Amino acid sequence: MEQKSKQHRRSIRLKEYDYSQAGAYFVTICLQNKLHLFDEVKNEKMVLSEAGKMIEKWWMEIKNKFKNVEIDEFVIMPNHFHGIVVMVGADLCVCPYGSGEHVGSPLHRIVQWFKTMTTNEYIRNVSIDRWEPFSRRLWQRNYWEHVIRNEDKLNKIRQYIQFNPLKWHLDRENPERTGADRLEDEIFASKIKTKAKLNTG
């Protein structure tokens, strides 16, 4: 099944939302050993396996699990995941930890919950439906985060997510990449790698 823009690249527009003070984050989570478990890019579109559909299900569940959290654009790629998480009405400090997550943000708990839920269901389906097994852990222990500080940065990241399948041949997570994506280089230059705070996923 091909990803449809309505379902997989849903955008929200929050009126009078100050991205410099509230918590909006661009998150990247990669599979351990960069295995291709979520199927593949065909004709410049991502075609999801059952495992990929499972990842989408749990990402959509975040807004039900966590209070004051919205999800914006996201995309599931063969061996990694990109998504925007917005803390709506959350009581966060303006200053983040260094260049990373705001004080009081539940982002690390959201990521760990997502990794735990998806890992547990994947393991069940290895036994039940013979999904491709993995060694030791499904996801890499760490994840990448970027604090979105303004509308311009938000729109650039949305554009990157929207065109990620189209530019899979240039993706830094593609072991067969044939070149570089300038927008990707710009965005990832200011992202930081966050060590897992919980030993899950």
Protein backbone atom coordinates (compact mmCIF):
# COMPACT_ATOMS: atom_id res chain seq x y z
CA MET A 1 0.00 0.00 0.00
CA GLU A 2 1.44 3.39 -0.95
CA GLN A 3 1.57 6.14 1.61
CA LYS A 4 -1.10 8.76 1.02
CA SER A 5 -0.35 12.37 1.88
CA LYS A 6 -3.49 12.76 3.99
CA GLN A 7 -2.60 9.88 6.27
CA HIS A 8 1.17 9.93 6.33
CA ARG A 9 2.06 13.58 5.91
CA ARG A 10 -0.64 15.25 7.97
CA SER A 11 0.05 18.90 8.78
CA ILE A 12 -1.35 21.04 11.55
CA ARG A 13 -1.45 24.82 11.64
CA LEU A 14 -1.58 26.25 15.13
CA LYS A 15 -2.76 29.88 15.27
CA GLU A 16 -0.64 32.28 17.31
CA TYR A 17 1.78 29.49 18.15
CA ASP A 18 5.22 30.70 19.24
CA TYR A 19 7.66 28.06 18.03
CA SER A 20 10.55 29.86 19.73
CA GLN A 21 9.07 29.28 23.18
CA ALA A 22 6.91 26.17 22.97
CA GLY A 23 8.16 22.67 22.35
CA ALA A 24 8.18 21.62 18.71
CA TYR A 25 10.68 18.94 17.73
CA PHE A 26 11.87 17.13 14.63
CA VAL A 27 12.76 13.57 15.62
CA THR A 28 14.61 10.85 13.71
CA ILE A 29 14.71 7.26 14.97
CA CYS A 30 16.77 4.63 13.15
CA LEU A 31 16.61 0.85 13.09
CA GLN A 32 19.50 -1.03 14.63
CA ASN A 33 22.06 -2.03 11.98
CA LYS A 34 19.98 -0.06 9.45
CA LEU A 35 17.94 -3.13 8.50
CA HIS A 36 15.24 -2.54 5.88
CA LEU A 37 12.20 -3.84 7.77
CA PHE A 38 9.49 -1.36 6.78
CA ASP A 39 9.59 -2.30 3.08
CA GLU A 40 10.94 -0.13 0.31
CA VAL A 41 10.71 2.91 -1.91
CA LYS A 42 9.13 2.11 -5.27
CA ASN A 43 8.62 4.67 -8.02
CA GLU A 44 9.72 7.38 -5.56
CA LYS A 45 6.98 6.45 -3.07
CA MET A 46 7.24 4.51 0.16
CA VAL A 47 5.39 1.19 0.06
CA LEU A 48 4.76 -0.04 3.60
CA SER A 49 5.05 -3.61 4.79
CA GLU A 50 2.84 -4.86 7.61
CA ALA A 51 5.64 -3.83 9.96
CA GLY A 52 5.62 -0.33 8.49
CA LYS A 53 1.85 -0.08 8.99
CA MET A 54 2.35 -1.14 12.60
CA ILE A 55 4.85 1.71 13.10
CA GLU A 56 2.32 4.18 11.72
CA LYS A 57 -0.38 2.87 14.07
CA TRP A 58 1.71 3.44 17.19
CA TRP A 59 2.90 6.88 16.05
CA MET A 60 -0.71 7.98 15.56
CA GLU A 61 -1.48 6.69 19.05
CA ILE A 62 0.93 9.17 20.67
CA LYS A 63 -1.63 11.98 20.75
CA ASN A 64 -4.01 9.69 22.69
CA LYS A 65 -1.35 8.50 25.12
CA PHE A 66 0.24 11.85 25.98
CA LYS A 67 -1.63 14.96 27.09
CA ASN A 68 -0.99 18.22 25.21
CA VAL A 69 0.89 16.46 22.40
CA GLU A 70 0.16 16.74 18.69
CA ILE A 71 1.90 15.05 15.78
CA ASP A 72 2.61 16.92 12.58
CA GLU A 73 4.33 15.67 9.41
CA PHE A 74 5.90 12.21 9.53
CA VAL A 75 7.25 9.59 7.18
CA ILE A 76 8.21 5.94 7.56
CA MET A 77 11.27 4.99 5.52
CA PRO A 78 12.79 1.52 4.92
CA ASN A 79 15.15 1.73 7.90
CA HIS A 80 14.25 4.87 9.84
CA PHE A 81 11.48 7.23 10.83
CA HIS A 82 11.07 11.03 10.77
CA GLY A 83 8.36 12.91 12.64
CA ILE A 84 7.45 16.30 14.10
CA VAL A 85 6.11 16.36 17.66
CA VAL A 86 4.45 19.49 19.10
CA MET A 87 3.80 20.08 22.79
CA VAL A 88 0.57 22.11 22.71
CA GLY A 89 -0.08 24.21 25.80
CA ALA A 90 2.70 22.48 27.71
CA ASP A 91 4.40 24.29 30.59
CA LEU A 92 7.97 24.29 29.28
CA CYS A 93 10.94 26.48 30.06
CA VAL A 94 12.00 28.67 27.13
CA CYS A 95 15.63 27.61 27.39
CA PRO A 96 16.36 24.07 26.26
CA TYR A 97 19.04 21.74 27.57
CA GLY A 98 21.95 23.30 25.68
CA SER A 99 20.82 23.13 22.06
CA GLY A 100 18.42 20.26 22.62
CA GLU A 101 15.17 19.43 24.37
CA HIS A 102 13.34 22.04 26.48
CA VAL A 103 13.29 21.64 30.25
CA GLY A 104 10.04 19.91 31.23
CA SER A 105 9.50 18.37 27.81
CA PRO A 106 8.22 14.76 27.74
CA LEU A 107 9.92 14.12 24.40
CA HIS A 108 12.30 11.44 25.69
CA ARG A 109 9.37 9.62 27.34
CA ILE A 110 7.35 9.82 24.13
CA VAL A 111 10.21 8.36 22.07
CA GLN A 112 10.88 5.57 24.57
CA TRP A 113 7.19 4.67 24.79
CA PHE A 114 6.97 4.57 20.98
CA LYS A 115 10.07 2.39 20.73
CA THR A 116 8.81 0.04 23.43
CA MET A 117 5.33 -0.40 21.93
CA THR A 118 6.64 -0.99 18.41
CA THR A 119 9.38 -3.35 19.59
CA ASN A 120 6.96 -5.48 21.61
CA GLU A 121 4.49 -5.80 18.74
CA TYR A 122 7.26 -6.53 16.25
CA ILE A 123 8.58 -9.35 18.47
CA ARG A 124 5.10 -10.88 18.70
CA ASN A 125 4.78 -10.87 14.93
CA VAL A 126 8.17 -12.49 14.42
CA SER A 127 6.67 -15.52 16.17
CA ILE A 128 3.11 -15.29 14.84
CA ASP A 129 3.48 -13.98 11.28
CA ARG A 130 7.15 -14.75 10.64
CA TRP A 131 8.26 -11.15 10.32
CA GLU A 132 11.98 -10.80 9.65
CA PRO A 133 13.83 -11.21 12.97
CA PHE A 134 16.32 -8.73 14.35
CA SER A 135 19.34 -9.10 16.63
CA ARG A 136 19.22 -7.78 20.22
CA ARG A 137 17.15 -4.63 19.64
CA LEU A 138 14.84 -3.23 16.98
CA TRP A 139 15.78 0.45 17.26
CA GLN A 140 19.10 2.14 17.85
CA ARG A 141 19.46 3.14 21.50
CA ASN A 142 19.74 6.85 20.69
CA TYR A 143 17.65 9.17 18.55
CA TRP A 144 18.14 12.50 16.80
CA GLU A 145 16.23 15.61 17.83
CA HIS A 146 16.03 19.18 16.59
CA VAL A 147 14.21 22.02 18.35
CA ILE A 148 12.02 23.85 15.83
CA ARG A 149 12.29 27.54 16.69
CA ASN A 150 10.31 29.32 13.96
CA GLU A 151 7.89 28.87 11.05
CA ASP A 152 10.67 29.03 8.47
CA LYS A 153 12.50 26.08 10.03
CA LEU A 154 9.21 24.23 10.47
CA ASN A 155 8.37 24.59 6.79
CA LYS A 156 11.83 23.43 5.70
CA ILE A 157 11.54 20.32 7.85
CA ARG A 158 8.02 19.62 6.57
CA GLN A 159 9.36 19.90 3.03
CA TYR A 160 12.20 17.50 3.84
CA ILE A 161 9.77 14.94 5.28
CA GLN A 162 7.36 15.26 2.36
CA PHE A 163 10.08 14.64 -0.23
CA ASN A 164 12.07 12.05 1.72
CA PRO A 165 10.83 9.06 -0.36
CA LEU A 166 11.47 11.01 -3.56
CA LYS A 167 15.06 11.66 -2.46
CA TRP A 168 15.75 8.22 -0.98
CA HIS A 169 18.73 7.87 -3.34
CA LEU A 170 20.31 10.85 -1.54
CA ASP A 171 19.32 9.86 2.00
CA ARG A 172 22.15 9.60 4.52
CA GLU A 173 20.51 6.44 5.93
CA ASN A 174 20.56 4.75 2.52
CA PRO A 175 23.66 2.54 2.25
CA GLU A 176 23.46 2.89 -1.54
CA ARG A 177 23.09 6.68 -1.66
CA THR A 178 24.38 8.31 -4.82
CA GLY A 179 24.86 11.88 -3.63
CA ALA A 180 23.93 14.46 -1.02
CA ASP A 181 20.73 16.39 -0.30
CA ARG A 182 21.48 20.03 0.58
CA LEU A 183 18.32 20.45 2.63
CA GLU A 184 19.07 17.29 4.58
CA ASP A 185 22.62 18.48 5.27
CA GLU A 186 21.30 21.84 6.48
CA ILE A 187 18.74 20.30 8.82
CA PHE A 188 20.98 17.58 10.26
CA ALA A 189 23.83 20.02 10.84
CA SER A 190 21.81 21.48 13.73
CA LYS A 191 20.33 18.24 15.08
CA ILE A 192 21.74 16.60 18.18
CA LYS A 193 21.95 12.95 19.08
CA THR A 194 20.14 12.18 22.31
CA LYS A 195 21.20 9.26 24.44
CA ALA A 196 18.39 7.01 25.56
CA LYS A 197 17.31 7.87 29.09
CA LEU A 198 15.54 4.57 29.60
CA ASN A 199 16.93 1.15 28.76
CA THR A 200 14.06 0.16 26.46
CA GLY A 201 13.41 -0.13 22.72
